[in-house]
């Protein structure tokens, strides 16, 4: 097949932070939530902890 890897929004944010393309995952998530993006708060907390923002 195409050998494509799939990643969700949170995975992309984590990668962007790791590559220093964004300064704050939390700020981006806040902006996304203002535009009606929904994700479980537990996932947000885990992500922020994994990137050193909590």
PDB file of N, CA and C in Angstrom:
ATOM      1  N   UNK A   1       0.831  -1.185   0.000  1.00  0.00           N
ATOM      2  CA  UNK A   1       0.000   0.000   0.000  1.00  0.00           C
ATOM      3  C   UNK A   1       0.879   1.254   0.000  1.00  0.00           C
ATOM      4  N   UNK A   2       0.379   2.296   0.626  1.00  0.00           N
ATOM      5  CA  UNK A   2       1.066   3.584   0.600  1.00  0.00           C
ATOM      6  C   UNK A   2       2.036   3.790   1.757  1.00  0.00           C
ATOM      7  N   UNK A   3       1.979   2.932   2.769  1.00  0.00           N
ATOM      8  CA  UNK A   3       2.844   3.047   3.947  1.00  0.00           C
ATOM      9  C   UNK A   3       2.790   4.428   4.592  1.00  0.00           C
ATOM     10  N   UNK A   4       1.582   4.944   4.754  1.00  0.00           N
ATOM     11  CA  UNK A   4       1.385   6.243   5.393  1.00  0.00           C
ATOM     12  C   UNK A   4       1.202   6.067   6.889  1.00  0.00           C
ATOM     13  N   UNK A   5       1.756   6.980   7.654  1.00  0.00           N
ATOM     14  CA  UNK A   5       1.545   6.991   9.092  1.00  0.00           C
ATOM     15  C   UNK A   5       0.491   8.039   9.400  1.00  0.00           C
ATOM     16  N   UNK A   6      -0.389   7.737  10.334  1.00  0.00           N
ATOM     17  CA  UNK A   6      -1.441   8.661  10.709  1.00  0.00           C
ATOM     18  C   UNK A   6      -1.148   9.256  12.082  1.00  0.00           C
ATOM     19  N   UNK A   7      -1.517  10.517  12.237  1.00  0.00           N
ATOM     20  CA  UNK A   7      -1.309  11.200  13.502  1.00  0.00           C
ATOM     21  C   UNK A   7      -2.460  12.179  13.689  1.00  0.00           C
ATOM     22  N   UNK A   8      -2.918  12.317  14.911  1.00  0.00           N
ATOM     23  CA  UNK A   8      -3.998  13.252  15.206  1.00  0.00           C
ATOM     24  C   UNK A   8      -3.478  14.644  15.509  1.00  0.00           C
ATOM     25  N   UNK A   9      -4.404  15.524  15.803  1.00  0.00           N
ATOM     26  CA  UNK A   9      -4.068  16.933  16.095  1.00  0.00           C
ATOM     27  C   UNK A   9      -3.097  17.057  17.265  1.00  0.00           C
ATOM     28  N   UNK A  10      -3.348  16.306  18.324  1.00  0.00           N
ATOM     29  CA  UNK A  10      -2.486  16.425  19.501  1.00  0.00           C
ATOM     30  C   UNK A  10      -1.078  15.915  19.215  1.00  0.00           C
ATOM     31  N   UNK A  11      -0.981  14.856  18.432  1.00  0.00           N
ATOM     32  CA  UNK A  11       0.331  14.348  18.036  1.00  0.00           C
ATOM     33  C   UNK A  11       1.099  15.352  17.198  1.00  0.00           C
ATOM     34  N   UNK A  12       0.384  16.056  16.321  1.00  0.00           N
ATOM     35  CA  UNK A  12       1.027  17.091  15.518  1.00  0.00           C
ATOM     36  C   UNK A  12       1.522  18.238  16.379  1.00  0.00           C
ATOM     37  N   UNK A  13       0.720  18.616  17.387  1.00  0.00           N
ATOM     38  CA  UNK A  13       1.149  19.680  18.291  1.00  0.00           C
ATOM     39  C   UNK A  13       2.392  19.272  19.069  1.00  0.00           C
ATOM     40  N   UNK A  14       2.418  18.021  19.514  1.00  0.00           N
ATOM     41  CA  UNK A  14       3.587  17.522  20.260  1.00  0.00           C
ATOM     42  C   UNK A  14       4.838  17.545  19.375  1.00  0.00           C
ATOM     43  N   UNK A  15       4.684  17.127  18.123  1.00  0.00           N
ATOM     44  CA  UNK A  15       5.804  17.130  17.192  1.00  0.00           C
ATOM     45  C   UNK A  15       6.274  18.566  16.909  1.00  0.00           C
ATOM     46  N   UNK A  16       5.322  19.472  16.738  1.00  0.00           N
ATOM     47  CA  UNK A  16       5.669  20.873  16.467  1.00  0.00           C
ATOM     48  C   UNK A  16       6.438  21.483  17.636  1.00  0.00           C
ATOM     49  N   UNK A  17       6.027  21.161  18.848  1.00  0.00           N
ATOM     50  CA  UNK A  17       6.729  21.665  20.041  1.00  0.00           C
ATOM     51  C   UNK A  17       8.146  21.093  20.102  1.00  0.00           C
ATOM     52  N   UNK A  18       8.266  19.794  19.842  1.00  0.00           N
ATOM     53  CA  UNK A  18       9.568  19.133  19.883  1.00  0.00           C
ATOM     54  C   UNK A  18      10.522  19.735  18.853  1.00  0.00           C
ATOM     55  N   UNK A  19       9.987  20.106  17.697  1.00  0.00           N
ATOM     56  CA  UNK A  19      10.811  20.684  16.628  1.00  0.00           C
ATOM     57  C   UNK A  19      10.927  22.203  16.746  1.00  0.00           C
ATOM     58  N   UNK A  20      10.402  22.742  17.846  1.00  0.00           N
ATOM     59  CA  UNK A  20      10.455  24.170  18.139  1.00  0.00           C
ATOM     60  C   UNK A  20       9.763  25.026  17.081  1.00  0.00           C
ATOM     61  N   UNK A  21       8.675  24.476  16.504  1.00  0.00           N
ATOM     62  CA  UNK A  21       7.883  25.234  15.542  1.00  0.00           C
ATOM     63  C   UNK A  21       6.824  26.078  16.242  1.00  0.00           C
ATOM     64  N   UNK A  22       6.475  25.668  17.462  1.00  0.00           N
ATOM     65  CA  UNK A  22       5.560  26.437  18.305  1.00  0.00           C
ATOM     66  C   UNK A  22       6.184  26.550  19.686  1.00  0.00           C
ATOM     67  N   UNK A  23       5.847  27.619  20.395  1.00  0.00           N
ATOM     68  CA  UNK A  23       6.391  27.821  21.740  1.00  0.00           C
ATOM     69  C   UNK A  23       5.547  27.134  22.797  1.00  0.00           C
ATOM     70  N   UNK A  24       4.211  27.099  22.597  1.00  0.00           N
ATOM     71  CA  UNK A  24       3.327  26.599  23.639  1.00  0.00           C
ATOM     72  C   UNK A  24       2.196  25.759  23.051  1.00  0.00           C
ATOM     73  N   UNK A  25       2.181  24.489  23.411  1.00  0.00           N
ATOM     74  CA  UNK A  25       1.083  23.609  23.023  1.00  0.00           C
ATOM     75  C   UNK A  25      -0.207  24.090  23.682  1.00  0.00           C
ATOM     76  N   UNK A  26      -0.111  24.493  24.936  1.00  0.00           N
ATOM     77  CA  UNK A  26      -1.292  24.945  25.677  1.00  0.00           C
ATOM     78  C   UNK A  26      -1.970  26.130  25.021  1.00  0.00           C
ATOM     79  N   UNK A  27      -1.188  27.075  24.533  1.00  0.00           N
ATOM     80  CA  UNK A  27      -1.760  28.250  23.876  1.00  0.00           C
ATOM     81  C   UNK A  27      -2.460  27.864  22.575  1.00  0.00           C
ATOM     82  N   UNK A  28      -1.875  26.955  21.816  1.00  0.00           N
ATOM     83  CA  UNK A  28      -2.493  26.517  20.566  1.00  0.00           C
ATOM     84  C   UNK A  28      -3.795  25.779  20.863  1.00  0.00           C
ATOM     85  N   UNK A  29      -3.790  24.916  21.879  1.00  0.00           N
ATOM     86  CA  UNK A  29      -5.013  24.200  22.244  1.00  0.00           C
ATOM     87  C   UNK A  29      -6.088  25.188  22.687  1.00  0.00           C
ATOM     88  N   UNK A  30      -5.699  26.207  23.440  1.00  0.00           N
ATOM     89  CA  UNK A  30      -6.662  27.223  23.872  1.00  0.00           C
ATOM     90  C   UNK A  30      -7.315  27.902  22.664  1.00  0.00           C
ATOM     91  N   UNK A  31      -6.509  28.237  21.668  1.00  0.00           N
ATOM     92  CA  UNK A  31      -7.033  28.853  20.451  1.00  0.00           C
ATOM     93  C   UNK A  31      -7.960  27.894  19.705  1.00  0.00           C
ATOM     94  N   UNK A  32      -7.585  26.627  19.648  1.00  0.00           N
ATOM     95  CA  UNK A  32      -8.412  25.630  18.972  1.00  0.00           C
ATOM     96  C   UNK A  32      -9.754  25.465  19.684  1.00  0.00           C
ATOM     97  N   UNK A  33      -9.710  25.456  21.016  1.00  0.00           N
ATOM     98  CA  UNK A  33     -10.958  25.319  21.779  1.00  0.00           C
ATOM     99  C   UNK A  33     -11.864  26.527  21.562  1.00  0.00           C
ATOM    100  N   UNK A  34     -11.296  27.709  21.360  1.00  0.00           N
ATOM    101  CA  UNK A  34     -12.093  28.900  21.062  1.00  0.00           C
ATOM    102  C   UNK A  34     -12.799  28.779  19.714  1.00  0.00           C
ATOM    103  N   UNK A  35     -12.296  27.876  18.863  1.00  0.00           N
ATOM    104  CA  UNK A  35     -12.907  27.639  17.551  1.00  0.00           C
ATOM    105  C   UNK A  35     -13.717  26.336  17.547  1.00  0.00           C
ATOM    106  N   UNK A  36     -14.169  25.904  18.723  1.00  0.00           N
ATOM    107  CA  UNK A  36     -15.050  24.739  18.894  1.00  0.00           C
ATOM    108  C   UNK A  36     -14.359  23.384  18.794  1.00  0.00           C
ATOM    109  N   UNK A  37     -13.048  23.335  18.930  1.00  0.00           N
ATOM    110  CA  UNK A  37     -12.333  22.062  18.986  1.00  0.00           C
ATOM    111  C   UNK A  37     -12.596  21.448  20.348  1.00  0.00           C
ATOM    112  N   UNK A  38     -12.915  20.156  20.390  1.00  0.00           N
ATOM    113  CA  UNK A  38     -13.131  19.486  21.669  1.00  0.00           C
ATOM    114  C   UNK A  38     -12.158  18.328  21.802  1.00  0.00           C
ATOM    115  N   UNK A  39     -11.563  18.238  22.971  1.00  0.00           N
ATOM    116  CA  UNK A  39     -10.740  17.083  23.331  1.00  0.00           C
ATOM    117  C   UNK A  39     -10.851  16.915  24.841  1.00  0.00           C
ATOM    118  N   UNK A  40     -10.767  15.693  25.292  1.00  0.00           N
ATOM    119  CA  UNK A  40     -10.880  15.376  26.709  1.00  0.00           C
ATOM    120  C   UNK A  40      -9.797  16.095  27.506  1.00  0.00           C
ATOM    121  N   UNK A  41     -10.181  16.678  28.630  1.00  0.00           N
ATOM    122  CA  UNK A  41      -9.241  17.423  29.477  1.00  0.00           C
ATOM    123  C   UNK A  41      -8.109  16.538  29.988  1.00  0.00           C
ATOM    124  N   UNK A  42      -8.398  15.262  30.221  1.00  0.00           N
ATOM    125  CA  UNK A  42      -7.349  14.335  30.659  1.00  0.00           C
ATOM    126  C   UNK A  42      -6.265  14.164  29.598  1.00  0.00           C
ATOM    127  N   UNK A  43      -6.664  14.130  28.340  1.00  0.00           N
ATOM    128  CA  UNK A  43      -5.687  14.034  27.249  1.00  0.00           C
ATOM    129  C   UNK A  43      -4.856  15.304  27.157  1.00  0.00           C
ATOM    130  N   UNK A  44      -5.507  16.443  27.336  1.00  0.00           N
ATOM    131  CA  UNK A  44      -4.779  17.711  27.304  1.00  0.00           C
ATOM    132  C   UNK A  44      -3.749  17.751  28.422  1.00  0.00           C
ATOM    133  N   UNK A  45      -4.158  17.367  29.612  1.00  0.00           N
ATOM    134  CA  UNK A  45      -3.242  17.357  30.760  1.00  0.00           C
ATOM    135  C   UNK A  45      -2.056  16.441  30.495  1.00  0.00           C
ATOM    136  N   UNK A  46      -2.318  15.244  29.985  1.00  0.00           N
ATOM    137  CA  UNK A  46      -1.244  14.298  29.692  1.00  0.00           C
ATOM    138  C   UNK A  46      -0.303  14.848  28.639  1.00  0.00           C
ATOM    139  N   UNK A  47      -0.838  15.480  27.615  1.00  0.00           N
ATOM    140  CA  UNK A  47      -0.007  16.051  26.560  1.00  0.00           C
ATOM    141  C   UNK A  47       0.861  17.180  27.106  1.00  0.00           C
ATOM    142  N   UNK A  48       0.248  18.081  27.870  1.00  0.00           N
ATOM    143  CA  UNK A  48       1.006  19.198  28.431  1.00  0.00           C
ATOM    144  C   UNK A  48       2.127  18.710  29.347  1.00  0.00           C
ATOM    145  N   UNK A  49       1.848  17.672  30.136  1.00  0.00           N
ATOM    146  CA  UNK A  49       2.893  17.098  30.993  1.00  0.00           C
ATOM    147  C   UNK A  49       4.017  16.495  30.146  1.00  0.00           C
ATOM    148  N   UNK A  50       3.652  15.846  29.043  1.00  0.00           N
ATOM    149  CA  UNK A  50       4.667  15.170  28.221  1.00  0.00           C
ATOM    150  C   UNK A  50       5.581  16.151  27.497  1.00  0.00           C
ATOM    151  N   UNK A  51       5.120  17.404  27.316  1.00  0.00           N
ATOM    152  CA  UNK A  51       5.957  18.404  26.645  1.00  0.00           C
ATOM    153  C   UNK A  51       6.534  19.412  27.636  1.00  0.00           C
ATOM    154  N   UNK A  52       6.354  19.135  28.932  1.00  0.00           N
ATOM    155  CA  UNK A  52       6.932  19.970  29.973  1.00  0.00           C
ATOM    156  C   UNK A  52       6.228  21.277  30.217  1.00  0.00           C
ATOM    157  N   UNK A  53       4.925  21.319  29.949  1.00  0.00           N
ATOM    158  CA  UNK A  53       4.166  22.550  30.176  1.00  0.00           C
ATOM    159  C   UNK A  53       3.272  22.478  31.396  1.00  0.00           C
ATOM    160  N   UNK A  54       3.363  21.437  32.168  1.00  0.00           N
ATOM    161  CA  UNK A  54       2.548  21.340  33.362  1.00  0.00           C
ATOM    162  C   UNK A  54       3.301  20.648  34.463  1.00  0.00           C
TER     163      UNK A  54
END
